[in-house]
Protein backbone atom coordinates (compact mmCIF):
# COMPACT_ATOMS: atom_id res chain seq x y z
CA MET A 1 83.56 115.40 82.57
CA ARG A 2 80.75 112.63 82.69
CA ALA A 3 80.97 110.69 79.23
CA ARG A 4 77.68 110.78 77.04
CA GLU A 5 75.29 107.95 78.02
CA LEU A 6 74.61 105.34 75.71
CA ALA A 7 71.53 105.28 73.63
CA LEU A 8 68.91 102.35 73.94
CA PRO A 9 69.42 100.89 70.75
CA ASP A 10 73.32 101.03 70.94
CA ARG A 11 72.99 99.51 74.39
CA LEU A 12 70.53 96.91 73.08
CA ALA A 13 73.06 96.20 70.13
CA ALA A 14 75.87 95.62 72.52
CA LEU A 15 74.06 93.25 74.50
CA ARG A 16 72.83 91.38 71.33
CA GLU A 17 76.34 90.99 70.37
CA ALA A 18 77.45 89.65 73.94
CA VAL A 19 74.66 87.17 73.48
CA GLU A 20 75.71 85.90 70.00
CA VAL A 21 79.05 85.63 71.22
CA ALA A 22 77.92 83.75 74.32
CA GLU A 23 75.76 81.36 72.04
CA GLY A 24 76.75 77.96 72.37
CA ARG A 25 79.53 79.20 74.23
CA LEU A 26 78.50 79.81 77.89
CA GLU A 27 76.04 77.54 79.32
CA VAL A 28 74.65 79.65 82.14
CA PRO A 29 71.37 81.06 82.75
CA GLU A 30 72.45 84.81 82.37
CA VAL A 31 72.36 84.29 78.63
CA GLY A 32 68.96 82.99 78.79
CA THR A 33 67.89 86.23 80.63
CA ALA A 34 69.74 88.23 78.52
CA ARG A 35 68.07 86.97 75.28
CA ALA A 36 65.03 87.10 76.74
CA LEU A 37 65.13 90.80 77.48
CA LEU A 38 66.02 91.54 73.71
CA ALA A 39 62.99 89.77 72.43
CA LYS A 40 61.08 92.01 74.96
CA ALA A 41 62.97 95.13 74.13
CA GLY A 42 61.93 94.24 70.17
CA ALA A 43 58.39 93.74 70.92
CA ARG A 44 57.98 96.71 73.36
CA GLU A 45 59.47 98.95 70.85
CA ALA A 46 57.16 98.39 68.18
CA LEU A 47 54.00 99.47 70.62
CA GLY A 48 54.20 102.87 71.15
CA ASP A 49 55.18 105.24 73.84
CA ALA A 50 52.38 104.42 75.87
CA THR A 51 53.69 103.85 79.63
CA VAL A 52 52.43 100.66 81.50
CA VAL A 53 52.28 101.03 85.42
CA ALA A 54 51.48 98.15 87.69
CA LEU A 55 50.37 98.23 91.23
CA ALA A 56 51.74 95.27 93.25
CA GLY A 57 51.56 94.10 96.33
CA ALA A 58 50.34 91.39 98.95
CA THR A 59 47.15 90.54 100.11
CA GLY A 60 45.23 93.24 102.27
CA SER A 61 47.93 96.21 101.39
CA GLY A 62 45.16 97.92 99.80
CA LYS A 63 46.31 98.22 96.32
CA SER A 64 42.99 97.41 94.53
CA THR A 65 41.74 100.10 96.69
CA LEU A 66 44.32 102.35 95.72
CA PHE A 67 43.93 101.03 91.91
CA ASN A 68 40.18 102.07 91.86
CA ALA A 69 40.99 105.85 93.67
CA LEU A 70 43.39 106.55 90.78
CA SER A 71 40.81 104.91 88.33
CA GLY A 72 38.05 106.88 89.32
CA ALA A 73 35.66 104.04 89.23
CA GLN A 74 35.15 100.38 91.02
CA VAL A 75 37.19 98.32 88.86
CA SER A 76 38.99 96.02 90.89
CA THR A 77 37.31 94.24 93.85
CA PRO A 78 39.36 95.13 97.15
CA GLY A 79 40.04 91.91 99.35
CA VAL A 80 41.73 91.55 102.97
CA ARG A 81 41.94 88.03 103.93
CA ARG A 82 41.93 85.82 100.55
CA PRO A 83 43.40 86.72 97.30
CA THR A 84 40.56 88.54 95.34
CA THR A 85 42.64 89.81 92.45
CA GLY A 86 43.35 86.74 90.32
CA VAL A 87 43.59 88.09 86.95
CA ALA A 88 45.46 91.61 86.11
CA HIS A 89 42.71 94.51 85.54
CA ALA A 90 44.04 97.38 83.57
CA SER A 91 42.41 100.92 83.21
CA VAL A 92 43.34 103.06 80.34
CA TRP A 93 43.97 106.76 79.94
CA GLY A 94 43.35 108.28 76.68
CA GLU A 95 41.03 108.71 73.74
CA PRO A 96 39.04 105.64 73.21
CA SER A 97 38.48 106.55 69.54
CA SER A 98 41.79 106.99 68.30
CA ASP A 99 44.13 104.35 70.52
CA ALA A 100 46.85 106.98 69.77
CA HIS A 101 48.99 105.33 72.38
CA GLY A 102 48.40 101.43 71.00
CA ALA A 103 47.08 100.67 74.46
CA ASP A 104 44.95 97.80 72.96
CA ARG A 105 47.89 96.38 71.38
CA LEU A 106 50.09 96.69 74.45
CA LEU A 107 47.46 95.03 76.67
CA ASP A 108 46.97 92.37 74.23
CA TRP A 109 50.84 91.80 74.17
CA LEU A 110 50.62 92.01 78.22
CA GLU A 111 47.76 89.43 77.86
CA VAL A 112 45.79 91.25 80.17
CA PRO A 113 41.94 90.60 79.01
CA ARG A 114 40.07 92.80 81.61
CA ARG A 115 40.44 96.57 80.53
CA HIS A 116 38.46 99.77 81.51
CA ARG A 117 38.69 103.23 80.03
CA VAL A 118 38.72 105.88 82.45
CA ALA A 119 35.76 107.88 81.71
CA ASP A 120 37.27 111.25 83.00
CA PRO A 121 40.48 111.15 81.99
CA ASP A 122 43.39 113.51 83.21
CA PRO A 123 45.26 115.09 80.73
CA ALA A 124 48.17 114.77 82.41
CA LEU A 125 48.04 110.96 82.57
CA ASP A 126 47.23 110.75 78.97
CA GLY A 127 48.88 107.63 77.39
CA MET A 128 49.18 105.64 80.87
CA VAL A 129 47.97 102.15 81.50
CA LEU A 130 47.58 101.24 84.80
CA LEU A 131 47.37 97.51 86.01
CA ASP A 132 46.24 96.04 89.38
CA LEU A 133 48.39 93.02 89.42
CA PRO A 134 47.21 89.67 91.37
CA ASP A 135 48.48 89.61 95.16
CA HIS A 136 52.39 88.54 95.15
CA ASP A 137 51.89 86.13 98.24
CA SER A 138 48.81 84.68 97.07
CA VAL A 139 48.17 81.23 97.91
CA ARG A 140 47.44 80.34 94.22
CA LEU A 141 50.66 79.43 92.36
CA GLU A 142 49.19 81.00 89.01
CA ASN A 143 48.82 84.14 90.61
CA ARG A 144 52.53 84.22 91.38
CA LEU A 145 53.45 83.53 88.45
CA GLU A 146 51.25 86.05 86.76
CA VAL A 147 52.96 88.51 88.92
CA ASP A 148 56.45 87.52 88.05
CA ARG A 149 55.46 87.75 84.46
CA LEU A 150 54.20 90.93 84.30
CA VAL A 151 56.95 92.78 87.01
CA GLN A 152 59.19 91.75 84.28
CA LEU A 153 57.26 93.56 81.44
CA VAL A 154 56.08 97.03 82.70
CA ASP A 155 57.62 100.09 82.55
CA VAL A 156 57.02 101.67 85.89
CA LEU A 157 56.31 99.41 89.01
CA VAL A 158 54.51 100.70 92.14
CA TRP A 159 55.00 98.61 94.99
CA VAL A 160 52.23 98.84 97.44
CA LEU A 161 53.24 98.05 101.06
CA ASP A 162 51.32 98.25 104.18
CA PRO A 163 52.42 99.18 107.81
CA GLN A 164 52.29 95.74 108.87
CA LYS A 165 54.13 93.90 106.15
CA TYR A 166 56.19 96.76 104.69
CA ALA A 167 59.66 94.90 106.39
CA ASP A 168 58.51 91.54 105.06
CA ASP A 169 61.95 90.09 103.94
CA ALA A 170 60.13 88.18 100.94
CA VAL A 171 59.07 91.55 99.04
CA HIS A 172 62.41 92.86 99.54
CA THR A 173 64.62 89.73 98.67
CA ARG A 174 62.72 88.48 95.78
CA TYR A 175 61.39 91.91 94.20
CA LEU A 176 62.81 95.07 95.51
CA ALA A 177 66.59 94.58 96.12
CA PRO A 178 66.92 92.93 92.59
CA LEU A 179 65.57 96.25 91.32
CA ALA A 180 68.81 97.98 92.43
CA GLY A 181 69.55 99.35 89.15
CA HIS A 182 65.79 100.18 88.40
CA SER A 183 65.30 103.45 90.91
CA GLY A 184 64.18 105.34 87.97
CA VAL A 185 61.22 103.38 87.00
CA LEU A 186 59.97 102.14 90.41
CA LEU A 187 57.97 103.52 93.16
CA VAL A 188 57.04 102.46 96.73
CA VAL A 189 53.86 103.41 98.36
CA LEU A 190 53.51 103.05 102.13
CA ASN A 191 49.38 102.61 101.86
CA GLN A 192 47.17 102.64 104.90
CA VAL A 193 48.90 105.15 107.07
CA ASP A 194 45.66 106.31 108.15
CA ARG A 195 45.64 103.76 110.54
CA LEU A 196 48.94 105.01 112.05
CA ASP A 197 49.24 108.05 114.65
CA GLU A 198 51.43 110.89 113.21
CA ALA A 199 54.80 109.57 115.05
CA ALA A 200 54.25 105.94 114.12
CA ALA A 201 53.81 106.65 110.56
CA ALA A 202 56.94 109.01 110.47
CA ALA A 203 58.74 105.94 112.12
CA CYS A 204 57.41 103.39 109.78
CA LEU A 205 58.38 105.67 106.72
CA ALA A 206 61.83 106.27 108.30
CA ASP A 207 62.31 102.87 108.70
CA LEU A 208 61.22 101.76 105.11
CA ARG A 209 63.74 104.55 104.05
CA ARG A 210 66.42 103.00 105.58
CA LEU A 211 65.41 99.70 104.40
CA LEU A 212 65.37 100.65 100.93
CA ASP A 213 68.70 102.55 101.18
CA GLU A 214 70.50 99.67 102.13
CA GLU A 215 69.15 97.70 99.44
CA GLY A 216 70.64 100.18 96.76
CA LEU A 217 67.57 101.98 96.20
CA ALA A 218 68.17 105.26 97.61
CA GLY A 219 66.73 107.10 94.48
CA VAL A 220 63.17 105.55 94.78
CA PRO A 221 60.75 107.97 96.08
CA VAL A 222 58.23 106.91 99.15
CA LEU A 223 55.05 108.19 99.18
CA PRO A 224 52.58 107.68 102.06
CA THR A 225 49.08 107.06 100.88
CA ALA A 226 45.35 106.29 102.20
CA ALA A 227 43.01 105.60 99.44
CA PRO A 228 39.91 105.61 101.29
CA SER A 229 40.53 109.50 102.79
CA GLY A 230 42.64 110.37 99.19
CA LEU A 231 45.83 111.11 101.49
CA GLY A 232 48.67 111.08 99.21
CA LEU A 233 47.13 110.52 96.22
CA PRO A 234 47.58 113.94 94.70
CA GLN A 235 51.46 113.24 95.47
CA LEU A 236 51.11 109.92 93.51
CA ARG A 237 49.51 111.27 90.63
CA ALA A 238 52.09 113.93 90.30
CA GLU A 239 54.83 111.45 90.30
CA LEU A 240 53.06 109.41 87.67
CA ALA A 241 52.12 112.13 85.38
CA ARG A 242 55.70 113.48 85.51
CA ARG A 243 56.74 109.61 84.37
CA VAL A 244 54.07 109.70 81.72
CA SER A 245 54.43 113.03 80.11
CA ALA A 246 58.09 112.44 79.40
CA ARG A 247 57.11 109.44 77.14
CA LYS A 248 59.98 107.45 77.92
CA ALA A 249 59.20 104.98 80.80
CA ALA A 250 59.65 102.48 78.54
CA THR A 251 62.95 103.43 77.35
CA ASP A 252 64.05 104.06 80.97
CA ARG A 253 62.93 100.53 81.88
CA LEU A 254 64.42 98.70 79.06
CA THR A 255 67.63 100.62 79.97
CA ALA A 256 67.55 99.71 83.31
CA ASP A 257 66.96 95.95 82.14
CA ALA A 258 69.92 96.03 79.86
CA ARG A 259 72.25 97.32 82.53
CA ALA A 260 71.09 94.82 84.76
CA ALA A 261 71.21 91.85 82.54
CA ALA A 262 74.75 93.25 81.12
CA GLY A 263 75.92 93.39 84.84
CA ALA A 264 74.84 89.60 85.34
CA LEU A 265 76.47 88.65 82.16
CA ALA A 266 80.06 90.97 83.71
CA ALA A 267 80.15 87.81 86.05
CA HIS A 268 81.62 86.17 83.47
CA CYS A 269 84.20 88.55 82.68
CA THR A 270 87.63 88.81 83.79
CA PRO A 271 89.30 92.55 84.04
CA ASP A 272 92.51 92.40 82.00
CA ALA A 273 92.58 88.83 80.66
CA GLY A 274 93.44 89.91 77.68
CA ARG A 275 97.01 90.99 78.94
CA ASP A 276 97.96 86.96 79.16
CA ARG A 277 97.89 85.87 75.64
CA GLY A 278 97.67 82.10 76.64
CA PRO A 279 100.58 79.37 75.97
CA GLY A 280 103.90 80.59 75.78
CA ARG A 281 106.77 79.32 73.05
CA ALA A 282 107.93 76.64 75.56
CA ALA A 283 104.52 75.43 75.80
CA ARG A 284 104.08 75.29 72.24
CA GLU A 285 106.91 73.51 71.76
CA GLU A 286 105.88 70.79 74.27
CA LEU A 287 102.45 70.28 72.80
CA THR A 288 104.60 69.94 69.27
CA GLY A 289 106.92 67.49 70.56
CA ALA A 290 104.11 65.30 72.46
CA LEU A 291 101.66 65.27 69.12
CA ALA A 292 104.88 64.43 67.25
CA ASP A 293 105.38 61.54 69.62
CA ALA A 294 102.09 60.52 69.22
CA ALA A 295 102.06 60.85 65.61
CA GLY A 296 104.83 58.60 65.16
CA VAL A 297 107.06 60.90 63.80
CA PRO A 298 110.16 59.07 65.51
CA ALA A 299 109.15 56.09 63.97
CA VAL A 300 108.93 57.95 60.51
CA VAL A 301 112.47 59.70 61.06
CA ALA A 302 113.90 56.13 61.69
CA ALA A 303 112.28 54.39 58.72
CA VAL A 304 113.96 57.72 56.71
CA GLU A 305 117.55 56.90 58.23
CA ARG A 306 117.11 53.08 57.70
CA SER A 307 116.00 53.60 54.29
CA ALA A 308 118.89 56.06 53.27
CA ARG A 309 121.26 53.89 54.71
CA ARG A 310 119.85 50.94 52.72
CA SER A 311 120.02 52.98 49.51
CA GLY A 312 123.27 54.22 50.14
CA THR A 313 124.97 51.07 51.21
CA ALA A 314 123.42 49.60 47.92
CA HIS A 315 124.91 52.32 45.69
CA THR A 316 128.25 52.01 47.04
CA GLY A 317 128.69 48.35 47.81
CA TRP A 318 129.79 45.73 45.53
CA PRO A 319 127.21 45.75 42.58
CA LEU A 320 126.78 41.97 42.17
CA LEU A 321 125.12 41.81 45.53
CA ARG A 322 122.89 44.66 45.07
CA TRP A 323 119.87 42.25 43.84
CA THR A 324 119.88 41.16 47.56
CA ARG A 325 118.38 44.31 48.70
CA LYS A 326 115.01 43.43 46.97
CA LEU A 327 114.78 40.60 49.56
CA ARG A 328 113.53 43.20 52.42
CA ALA A 329 110.99 45.91 51.76
CA ASP A 330 112.14 49.42 52.16
CA PRO A 331 111.24 50.91 55.86
CA LEU A 332 109.66 53.56 54.26
CA ASP A 333 107.44 51.59 51.82
CA ARG A 334 106.00 49.70 54.75
CA LEU A 335 104.75 53.05 56.19
CA HIS A 336 102.41 53.75 53.31
CA LEU A 337 103.48 57.73 52.88
CA GLY A 338 102.97 60.15 50.40
CA ASP A 339 98.89 60.37 50.37
CA GLU A 340 97.02 62.35 52.61
CA ARG A 341 93.73 60.87 51.91
CA ALA A 342 94.79 57.30 53.16
CA ARG A 343 96.03 56.03 56.13
CA THR A 344 99.17 55.35 57.11
CA SER A 345 100.88 52.15 58.64
CA LEU A 346 102.45 53.78 61.54
CA PRO A 347 101.59 52.11 64.55
CA GLN A 348 98.88 53.38 66.99
CA ALA A 349 100.03 55.71 69.64
CA GLY A 350 100.79 53.55 72.89
CA ALA A 351 99.55 54.50 76.51
CA VAL A 352 102.79 56.59 77.32
CA GLN A 353 102.31 58.68 73.71
CA ARG A 354 98.59 59.50 74.46
CA ALA A 355 99.32 60.37 78.01
CA GLY A 356 101.96 62.74 76.88
CA MET A 357 99.56 63.85 74.45
CA ASP A 358 96.82 64.63 76.65
CA ALA A 359 98.83 66.31 79.34
CA ALA A 360 100.08 68.52 76.62
CA LEU A 361 96.52 69.52 75.70
CA ARG A 362 95.41 69.93 79.29
CA GLN A 363 98.73 72.02 79.60
CA ALA A 364 97.81 74.27 76.58
CA ARG A 365 94.11 74.61 77.79
CA ASP A 366 95.50 75.37 81.39
CA ASP A 367 97.54 78.17 79.71
CA ALA A 368 94.86 79.56 77.57
CA GLY A 369 92.14 79.49 80.40
CA ARG A 370 94.92 81.40 82.93
CA GLY A 371 92.78 84.47 84.06
CA LEU A 372 89.32 83.86 82.87
CA PRO A 373 86.16 82.97 84.71
CA PRO A 374 84.80 79.29 85.46
CA ALA A 375 82.05 79.26 82.29
CA TRP A 376 84.94 80.54 79.96
CA ARG A 377 87.34 77.74 81.04
CA ASP A 378 84.68 75.21 80.80
CA GLU A 379 83.99 76.29 77.10
CA LEU A 380 87.96 75.72 76.88
CA ARG A 381 87.49 72.23 78.36
CA ARG A 382 85.02 71.74 75.70
CA THR A 383 86.94 72.95 72.90
CA SER A 384 89.74 70.92 73.74
CA ASP A 385 87.78 67.76 74.02
CA ASP A 386 86.49 68.26 70.59
CA THR A 387 89.70 68.70 69.46
CA GLY A 388 91.26 65.79 71.08
CA GLY A 389 88.69 63.57 68.93
CA ARG A 390 90.09 65.19 65.51
CA LEU A 391 93.27 65.19 66.43
CA PRO A 392 94.97 61.50 65.69
CA ASP A 393 93.23 61.57 62.10
CA ARG A 394 94.48 65.04 61.18
CA LEU A 395 98.21 63.90 62.55
CA ASP A 396 98.38 60.87 60.39
CA ARG A 397 97.21 63.08 57.51
CA ALA A 398 99.72 65.52 58.14
CA VAL A 399 102.38 63.18 58.31
CA ALA A 400 101.41 61.06 55.24
CA GLY A 401 101.39 64.33 53.25
CA THR A 402 104.76 65.30 54.52
CA ASP A 403 107.59 65.74 51.91
CA LEU A 404 110.42 63.99 53.35
CA GLY A 405 112.99 65.30 51.17
CA SER A 406 114.51 64.28 48.20
CA ASP A 407 115.32 60.62 47.37
CA ARG A 408 117.81 61.46 44.66
CA VAL A 409 120.81 59.30 44.59
CA PRO A 410 123.71 61.57 45.57
CA LEU A 411 126.41 62.40 43.04
CA TRP A 412 129.27 61.07 45.18
CA GLN A 413 127.35 57.90 45.79
CA ARG A 414 126.78 57.69 41.77
CA GLY A 415 130.43 58.34 41.29
CA VAL A 416 131.19 55.76 43.75
CA GLY A 417 128.63 53.28 42.06
CA GLY A 418 130.51 53.74 38.90
CA LEU A 419 133.72 53.00 40.34
CA GLN A 420 132.21 49.72 42.01
CA TRP A 421 130.98 48.73 38.59
CA LEU A 422 134.94 49.25 37.13
CA LEU A 423 136.49 47.34 40.12
CA ALA A 424 133.70 44.59 39.58
CA LEU A 425 134.58 44.50 35.98
CA VAL A 426 138.52 44.36 36.71
CA ALA A 427 137.63 41.32 39.04
CA LEU A 428 135.63 39.68 36.54
CA ALA A 429 138.25 40.03 33.88
CA GLY A 430 140.70 38.33 36.22
CA ALA A 431 138.43 35.66 37.11
CA LEU A 432 137.35 34.81 33.29
CA TRP A 433 141.42 35.31 32.47
CA LEU A 434 142.20 32.62 35.26
CA VAL A 435 139.05 30.38 33.86
CA GLY A 436 140.60 30.50 30.54
CA LEU A 437 144.00 29.30 32.04
CA VAL A 438 142.38 26.33 33.59
CA VAL A 439 140.84 25.49 30.35
CA LEU A 440 143.84 25.82 28.60
CA GLY A 441 146.06 23.73 31.07
CA LEU A 442 143.52 21.16 30.57
CA LEU A 443 144.02 21.32 26.85
CA GLN A 444 147.72 21.06 27.76
CA LEU A 445 147.83 24.59 26.15
CA ASP A 446 149.38 26.37 28.97
CA ASP A 447 152.43 26.84 27.84
CA VAL A 448 151.37 28.32 24.33
CA VAL A 449 149.95 31.39 25.92
CA PRO A 450 152.34 33.50 27.82
CA LEU A 451 151.33 34.86 31.47
CA PRO A 452 151.95 38.27 32.38
CA ARG A 453 153.39 38.82 35.53
CA VAL A 454 153.69 41.93 38.17
CA GLN A 455 156.18 41.46 40.77
CA GLY A 456 156.16 37.83 40.24
CA ILE A 457 152.05 37.88 40.73
CA PRO A 458 150.31 36.48 37.89
CA LEU A 459 148.26 39.51 36.21
CA PRO A 460 144.60 37.58 35.98
CA THR A 461 145.19 36.80 39.81
CA LEU A 462 146.27 40.41 40.86
CA LEU A 463 143.34 41.85 38.56
CA LEU A 464 140.71 39.51 40.62
CA GLY A 465 142.25 40.01 44.16
CA LEU A 466 142.61 44.02 43.51
CA GLY A 467 139.23 44.24 42.07
CA LEU A 468 137.66 42.50 45.06
CA LEU A 469 139.47 43.94 47.53
CA ALA A 470 139.48 47.32 46.20
CA GLY A 471 135.59 47.12 45.89
CA LEU A 472 135.68 45.83 49.47
CA LEU A 473 137.57 48.80 50.98
CA LEU A 474 135.81 51.35 48.85
CA ALA A 475 132.51 50.00 50.45
CA LEU A 476 133.95 50.15 54.29
CA VAL A 477 135.24 53.61 53.60
CA CYS A 478 131.82 54.51 52.14
CA ARG A 479 129.76 53.40 55.23
CA PRO A 480 130.62 56.38 57.46
CA LEU A 481 129.56 58.96 55.05
CA VAL A 482 126.38 56.69 54.13
CA ALA A 483 125.55 56.81 57.55
CA ALA A 484 126.38 60.61 57.91
CA GLY A 485 124.04 61.25 54.92
CA ALA A 486 121.20 59.01 56.23
CA ARG A 487 121.40 61.00 59.39
CA ARG A 488 121.35 64.43 57.61
CA ARG A 489 118.26 63.23 55.72
CA ALA A 490 116.54 61.95 58.83
CA ARG A 491 117.31 65.53 60.63
CA THR A 492 115.47 66.86 57.53
CA ALA A 493 112.68 64.85 57.82
CA ARG A 494 112.42 65.28 61.40
CA ARG A 495 112.10 69.21 60.75
CA ARG A 496 109.82 68.74 58.21
CA LEU A 497 107.56 66.64 59.83
CA THR A 498 107.73 68.86 63.16
CA ALA A 499 106.66 71.84 60.98
CA ARG A 500 103.70 70.31 59.95
CA VAL A 501 102.69 68.84 63.22
CA ALA A 502 103.21 72.37 64.62
CA GLU A 503 100.80 73.69 61.74
CA VAL A 504 98.41 70.62 63.21
CA ALA A 505 98.95 72.13 66.48
CA ASP A 506 98.37 75.69 65.32
CA ASP A 507 95.29 74.87 63.49
CA GLU A 508 93.69 72.20 65.83
CA VAL A 509 94.63 73.21 69.44
CA LEU A 510 95.93 76.69 70.08
CA ALA A 511 93.83 78.35 67.23
CA PRO A 512 90.54 77.44 68.83
CA LEU A 513 92.06 78.23 72.13
CA ALA A 514 93.15 81.66 71.39
CA GLU A 515 89.83 82.39 69.42
CA THR A 516 88.15 81.48 72.61
CA ARG A 517 90.16 83.88 74.48
CA ALA A 518 89.55 86.46 71.57
CA GLU A 519 85.61 85.90 72.05
CA HIS A 520 86.08 86.15 75.75
CA GLU A 521 87.41 89.65 75.26
CA ARG A 522 84.78 90.68 72.45
CA PHE A 523 82.13 89.26 74.96
CA CYS A 524 83.57 91.34 77.76
CA ALA A 525 83.79 94.66 75.77
CA ALA A 526 80.23 94.48 74.07
CA VAL A 527 79.12 93.87 77.97
CA GLY A 528 80.87 96.63 79.17
CA ARG A 529 79.31 98.72 76.54
CA ALA A 530 75.96 97.88 77.56
CA ARG A 531 76.51 98.24 81.10
CA SER A 532 77.79 101.64 80.89
């Protein structure tokens, strides 16, 4: 069962959606053509249901004679060897007082100044506006441009051919073949058949029919006429009356034009392109890794590890040497992290990092463009180029604002630090005791104060030695633990930095590419509706 045909307003709405999606994205002439059609449709729908019929043809085809015969008056001057029809003429059927069909407004829109009211109008043709166009093969460029302009605006096109030039390639290639989807609003007249005998006329008509069929115009009627004798005029009038009385020639023309415009836009659609959703997980990870390298994440991670080692060593080392830590700045402080509004002091990405980032961006773009038409791949390329310009600053701000993890001193380090102070105090007590003994010895009072010993070793010496040795051994034992903690904190920092870089990759690279693919799908859906 055939689906219900889409109404013209819905078809134009779908075409308008396709144009809106393509606006600023697709740099192709078909978008401009569709935009012009929408403007024409808006203007034409506001001008009533009069039917504009145009007679078009070459010099000497007899279209002006045919025009006069249909008009019932000598309105247009016929010519054979020169283009006498330099400006379009119009004949109007209908009551002149009411202008019920808006013929004057319609002719103003068409910019046709020469107008004639048919004196004895045929009621069957009431509401018809008949135009005699300039010769399409005129030696004057302005005449040819006028034909091209009006051919795009009229509702019904009657192409007048003659037996000598009916197979002219210029006519068929430039005018008739492009109207393959417009058979409902096109008539072909083989005029001047009275110059041929019956057999030649039949052969000429058969050959013309064959040419039209080959051009996709099988549904277009071909009428033989001879204006001076009136041959075929009743049939032509009847065909025109049928289209005029239906009051839908303008709608049919706009429908055919909308289909043709959508068909041209369909060249920029790829069926089932939506099945491929662009970059996969591996490509995303590769992109994130390349951006992380370019953003200086390895340098930040290394600085985090060095800073954690420096802090841990200071807290677990000999307390009296902790002041030496202030002689060198903290590696993290040098990078000026922690404020997204200010740039970091990270070094600029080197040639290797930039090359890796560019390669990853190209790969993501190529993955996103897989299966898309060239015009959409060009849009992806422009999107990727715009993104590449913003990435360095966005990555720097992301790294600067990343929470690298808690910098609180672990409890075990605090405990070790306290123990180191205790050992330092023990060593200091032993040292002070020994200094006191030296002073007593100088005063010859060393025999007055007894000197305690442990296993024969003076207690002050034992306190000094044990305090220093135990502090050194404790610091050495803690070194691997400090290093392990620093590596753990570095891994945490790497994970968080990579997550922030991945967010930037999603926001600045993958999301715009995915949006472009989604717009392609939306564009194709709208084109499909307008073309149906």
